[in-house]
């Protein structure tokens, strides 16, 4: 039965142990991949991650870091292509790799229920997308100087 009224100082001083089970990244991940691991695991409760999802999450982290690396190469090759037409072949190959990594990341994120798709059904997703269309309050609009 709950105590009515103010709580005693003894009751307030009682420490309740919170079960916390951090999922540590596999040892073969690079520091950049471990950073992605930390960011992703922080978005879900600790019981979200089990032995079956750890390898998927590790591969997702690898794909994210590789995708960022390839994105940098695509950007630099795209600029070089403007002055050197021979870079077009390299650019096309890098874009294929980028597309494959993007597909891998999407598939893994969906399987681990990390995407918005896992939070909404069709009706609530449609409602949420309509709400995010822009400023809804008059004070959210920019004031344009008419002078």
C-alpha atoms as a PDB file:
ATOM      1  CA  UNK A   1       0.000   0.000   0.000  1.00  0.00           C
ATOM      2  CA  UNK A   2       1.282   3.451  -0.858  1.00  0.00           C
ATOM      3  CA  UNK A   3       2.074   5.893   1.900  1.00  0.00           C
ATOM      4  CA  UNK A   4      -0.119   8.984   1.860  1.00  0.00           C
ATOM      5  CA  UNK A   5       1.271  12.468   2.312  1.00  0.00           C
ATOM      6  CA  UNK A   6       4.893  13.524   2.414  1.00  0.00           C
ATOM      7  CA  UNK A   7       7.614  10.931   2.177  1.00  0.00           C
ATOM      8  CA  UNK A   8       9.962  10.523   5.105  1.00  0.00           C
ATOM      9  CA  UNK A   9      13.651  11.398   4.772  1.00  0.00           C
ATOM     10  CA  UNK A  10      14.495   7.707   5.297  1.00  0.00           C
ATOM     11  CA  UNK A  11      12.233   6.769   2.411  1.00  0.00           C
ATOM     12  CA  UNK A  12      13.749   9.448   0.176  1.00  0.00           C
ATOM     13  CA  UNK A  13      17.291   8.384   1.095  1.00  0.00           C
ATOM     14  CA  UNK A  14      16.684   4.776   0.020  1.00  0.00           C
ATOM     15  CA  UNK A  15      18.601   3.937  -3.136  1.00  0.00           C
ATOM     16  CA  UNK A  16      16.872   1.678  -5.566  1.00  0.00           C
ATOM     17  CA  UNK A  17      19.213  -0.305  -7.784  1.00  0.00           C
ATOM     18  CA  UNK A  18      18.423   0.127 -11.444  1.00  0.00           C
ATOM     19  CA  UNK A  19      19.350  -2.833 -13.613  1.00  0.00           C
ATOM     20  CA  UNK A  20      21.656  -1.545 -16.328  1.00  0.00           C
ATOM     21  CA  UNK A  21      23.253  -3.861 -18.807  1.00  0.00           C
ATOM     22  CA  UNK A  22      25.430  -2.027 -21.269  1.00  0.00           C
ATOM     23  CA  UNK A  23      26.045  -3.794 -24.536  1.00  0.00           C
ATOM     24  CA  UNK A  24      29.722  -3.447 -25.298  1.00  0.00           C
ATOM     25  CA  UNK A  25      30.963  -3.343 -28.879  1.00  0.00           C
ATOM     26  CA  UNK A  26      32.914  -6.305 -30.249  1.00  0.00           C
ATOM     27  CA  UNK A  27      36.663  -5.913 -29.943  1.00  0.00           C
ATOM     28  CA  UNK A  28      37.242  -5.989 -33.705  1.00  0.00           C
ATOM     29  CA  UNK A  29      35.420  -2.674 -34.293  1.00  0.00           C
ATOM     30  CA  UNK A  30      37.518   0.416 -35.012  1.00  0.00           C
ATOM     31  CA  UNK A  31      37.230   3.510 -32.783  1.00  0.00           C
ATOM     32  CA  UNK A  32      34.973   5.171 -35.404  1.00  0.00           C
ATOM     33  CA  UNK A  33      32.758   2.090 -35.519  1.00  0.00           C
ATOM     34  CA  UNK A  34      32.619   2.026 -31.701  1.00  0.00           C
ATOM     35  CA  UNK A  35      31.434   5.645 -31.780  1.00  0.00           C
ATOM     36  CA  UNK A  36      28.565   4.664 -34.083  1.00  0.00           C
ATOM     37  CA  UNK A  37      27.850   1.708 -31.775  1.00  0.00           C
ATOM     38  CA  UNK A  38      27.587   4.046 -28.773  1.00  0.00           C
ATOM     39  CA  UNK A  39      25.304   6.472 -30.590  1.00  0.00           C
ATOM     40  CA  UNK A  40      22.966   3.698 -31.750  1.00  0.00           C
ATOM     41  CA  UNK A  41      22.805   1.741 -28.491  1.00  0.00           C
ATOM     42  CA  UNK A  42      22.023   4.956 -26.610  1.00  0.00           C
ATOM     43  CA  UNK A  43      18.773   5.290 -28.579  1.00  0.00           C
ATOM     44  CA  UNK A  44      17.267   2.058 -27.244  1.00  0.00           C
ATOM     45  CA  UNK A  45      16.828   0.483 -23.811  1.00  0.00           C
ATOM     46  CA  UNK A  46      19.483  -2.041 -22.814  1.00  0.00           C
ATOM     47  CA  UNK A  47      17.069  -4.996 -23.086  1.00  0.00           C
ATOM     48  CA  UNK A  48      16.560  -4.103 -26.774  1.00  0.00           C
ATOM     49  CA  UNK A  49      19.902  -5.679 -27.632  1.00  0.00           C
ATOM     50  CA  UNK A  50      20.358  -9.434 -27.406  1.00  0.00           C
ATOM     51  CA  UNK A  51      22.897 -11.957 -28.664  1.00  0.00           C
ATOM     52  CA  UNK A  52      21.145 -12.159 -32.025  1.00  0.00           C
ATOM     53  CA  UNK A  53      21.243  -8.427 -32.703  1.00  0.00           C
ATOM     54  CA  UNK A  54      24.887  -7.820 -31.701  1.00  0.00           C
ATOM     55  CA  UNK A  55      26.390  -9.123 -35.001  1.00  0.00           C
ATOM     56  CA  UNK A  56      23.817  -7.143 -36.997  1.00  0.00           C
ATOM     57  CA  UNK A  57      24.619  -3.982 -35.075  1.00  0.00           C
ATOM     58  CA  UNK A  58      28.364  -4.539 -35.528  1.00  0.00           C
ATOM     59  CA  UNK A  59      27.923  -4.892 -39.298  1.00  0.00           C
ATOM     60  CA  UNK A  60      25.670  -1.816 -39.337  1.00  0.00           C
ATOM     61  CA  UNK A  61      28.422   0.193 -37.612  1.00  0.00           C
ATOM     62  CA  UNK A  62      30.990  -1.006 -40.147  1.00  0.00           C
ATOM     63  CA  UNK A  63      28.683  -0.062 -43.029  1.00  0.00           C
ATOM     64  CA  UNK A  64      28.044   3.419 -41.596  1.00  0.00           C
ATOM     65  CA  UNK A  65      31.762   4.185 -41.266  1.00  0.00           C
ATOM     66  CA  UNK A  66      32.527   2.779 -44.730  1.00  0.00           C
ATOM     67  CA  UNK A  67      29.637   4.765 -46.197  1.00  0.00           C
ATOM     68  CA  UNK A  68      31.029   7.990 -44.720  1.00  0.00           C
ATOM     69  CA  UNK A  69      34.447   7.176 -46.186  1.00  0.00           C
ATOM     70  CA  UNK A  70      33.003   6.448 -49.627  1.00  0.00           C
ATOM     71  CA  UNK A  71      30.883   9.620 -49.471  1.00  0.00           C
ATOM     72  CA  UNK A  72      34.077  11.641 -49.072  1.00  0.00           C
ATOM     73  CA  UNK A  73      35.642   9.855 -52.050  1.00  0.00           C
ATOM     74  CA  UNK A  74      32.512  10.438 -54.134  1.00  0.00           C
ATOM     75  CA  UNK A  75      32.605  14.154 -53.341  1.00  0.00           C
ATOM     76  CA  UNK A  76      36.284  14.543 -54.223  1.00  0.00           C
ATOM     77  CA  UNK A  77      35.968  12.423 -57.373  1.00  0.00           C
ATOM     78  CA  UNK A  78      32.901  14.392 -58.439  1.00  0.00           C
ATOM     79  CA  UNK A  79      34.918  17.605 -58.237  1.00  0.00           C
ATOM     80  CA  UNK A  80      37.898  16.040 -60.043  1.00  0.00           C
ATOM     81  CA  UNK A  81      35.572  14.780 -62.761  1.00  0.00           C
ATOM     82  CA  UNK A  82      34.856  18.372 -63.757  1.00  0.00           C
ATOM     83  CA  UNK A  83      38.448  18.824 -64.903  1.00  0.00           C
ATOM     84  CA  UNK A  84      39.435  15.229 -65.736  1.00  0.00           C
ATOM     85  CA  UNK A  85      36.910  13.172 -67.759  1.00  0.00           C
ATOM     86  CA  UNK A  86      38.837   9.985 -66.918  1.00  0.00           C
ATOM     87  CA  UNK A  87      37.474  10.242 -63.363  1.00  0.00           C
ATOM     88  CA  UNK A  88      33.951   9.398 -64.570  1.00  0.00           C
ATOM     89  CA  UNK A  89      34.582   5.633 -64.384  1.00  0.00           C
ATOM     90  CA  UNK A  90      35.931   5.902 -60.845  1.00  0.00           C
ATOM     91  CA  UNK A  91      32.985   8.085 -59.879  1.00  0.00           C
ATOM     92  CA  UNK A  92      30.484   5.528 -61.229  1.00  0.00           C
ATOM     93  CA  UNK A  93      32.184   2.696 -59.319  1.00  0.00           C
ATOM     94  CA  UNK A  94      32.191   4.691 -56.090  1.00  0.00           C
ATOM     95  CA  UNK A  95      28.487   5.493 -56.535  1.00  0.00           C
ATOM     96  CA  UNK A  96      27.754   1.764 -56.961  1.00  0.00           C
ATOM     97  CA  UNK A  97      29.622   1.042 -53.734  1.00  0.00           C
ATOM     98  CA  UNK A  98      27.802   3.892 -52.012  1.00  0.00           C
ATOM     99  CA  UNK A  99      24.447   2.507 -53.164  1.00  0.00           C
ATOM    100  CA  UNK A 100      25.319  -0.994 -51.943  1.00  0.00           C
ATOM    101  CA  UNK A 101      26.378   0.330 -48.532  1.00  0.00           C
ATOM    102  CA  UNK A 102      23.210   2.395 -48.302  1.00  0.00           C
ATOM    103  CA  UNK A 103      21.115  -0.692 -49.047  1.00  0.00           C
ATOM    104  CA  UNK A 104      23.023  -2.719 -46.462  1.00  0.00           C
ATOM    105  CA  UNK A 105      22.541  -0.018 -43.816  1.00  0.00           C
ATOM    106  CA  UNK A 106      18.828   0.272 -44.610  1.00  0.00           C
ATOM    107  CA  UNK A 107      18.290  -3.471 -44.419  1.00  0.00           C
ATOM    108  CA  UNK A 108      20.179  -3.862 -41.139  1.00  0.00           C
ATOM    109  CA  UNK A 109      18.523  -0.825 -39.541  1.00  0.00           C
ATOM    110  CA  UNK A 110      15.097  -2.127 -40.543  1.00  0.00           C
ATOM    111  CA  UNK A 111      15.832  -5.614 -39.190  1.00  0.00           C
ATOM    112  CA  UNK A 112      16.922  -4.129 -35.856  1.00  0.00           C
ATOM    113  CA  UNK A 113      13.910  -1.765 -35.840  1.00  0.00           C
ATOM    114  CA  UNK A 114      16.032   1.386 -35.756  1.00  0.00           C
ATOM    115  CA  UNK A 115      14.119   3.276 -38.460  1.00  0.00           C
ATOM    116  CA  UNK A 116      10.981   5.415 -38.326  1.00  0.00           C
ATOM    117  CA  UNK A 117       9.219   2.612 -40.163  1.00  0.00           C
ATOM    118  CA  UNK A 118       9.280   0.553 -36.967  1.00  0.00           C
ATOM    119  CA  UNK A 119       7.624   3.346 -34.958  1.00  0.00           C
ATOM    120  CA  UNK A 120       4.606   3.982 -37.145  1.00  0.00           C
ATOM    121  CA  UNK A 121       1.917   2.021 -38.886  1.00  0.00           C
ATOM    122  CA  UNK A 122       0.624   3.362 -42.218  1.00  0.00           C
ATOM    123  CA  UNK A 123      -2.052   5.612 -40.688  1.00  0.00           C
ATOM    124  CA  UNK A 124       0.033   7.109 -37.890  1.00  0.00           C
ATOM    125  CA  UNK A 125       2.984   7.574 -40.262  1.00  0.00           C
ATOM    126  CA  UNK A 126       0.778   9.569 -42.615  1.00  0.00           C
ATOM    127  CA  UNK A 127      -0.463  11.706 -39.721  1.00  0.00           C
ATOM    128  CA  UNK A 128       3.087  12.314 -38.457  1.00  0.00           C
ATOM    129  CA  UNK A 129       4.325  13.320 -41.907  1.00  0.00           C
ATOM    130  CA  UNK A 130       1.515  15.866 -42.262  1.00  0.00           C
ATOM    131  CA  UNK A 131       2.398  17.401 -38.893  1.00  0.00           C
ATOM    132  CA  UNK A 132       6.032  17.905 -39.902  1.00  0.00           C
ATOM    133  CA  UNK A 133       5.230  20.124 -42.891  1.00  0.00           C
ATOM    134  CA  UNK A 134       6.627  23.341 -41.473  1.00  0.00           C
ATOM    135  CA  UNK A 135       6.009  26.013 -38.880  1.00  0.00           C
ATOM    136  CA  UNK A 136       2.547  25.667 -37.379  1.00  0.00           C
ATOM    137  CA  UNK A 137       2.600  28.650 -35.021  1.00  0.00           C
ATOM    138  CA  UNK A 138       2.610  32.266 -36.173  1.00  0.00           C
ATOM    139  CA  UNK A 139       5.734  32.986 -34.131  1.00  0.00           C
ATOM    140  CA  UNK A 140       7.641  30.266 -35.999  1.00  0.00           C
ATOM    141  CA  UNK A 141       7.454  32.248 -39.252  1.00  0.00           C
ATOM    142  CA  UNK A 142      10.240  34.627 -40.222  1.00  0.00           C
ATOM    143  CA  UNK A 143       9.330  38.291 -40.073  1.00  0.00           C
ATOM    144  CA  UNK A 144      10.062  39.961 -43.378  1.00  0.00           C
ATOM    145  CA  UNK A 145      10.928  43.658 -43.315  1.00  0.00           C
ATOM    146  CA  UNK A 146       8.534  45.413 -45.680  1.00  0.00           C
ATOM    147  CA  UNK A 147      10.761  48.511 -45.861  1.00  0.00           C
END
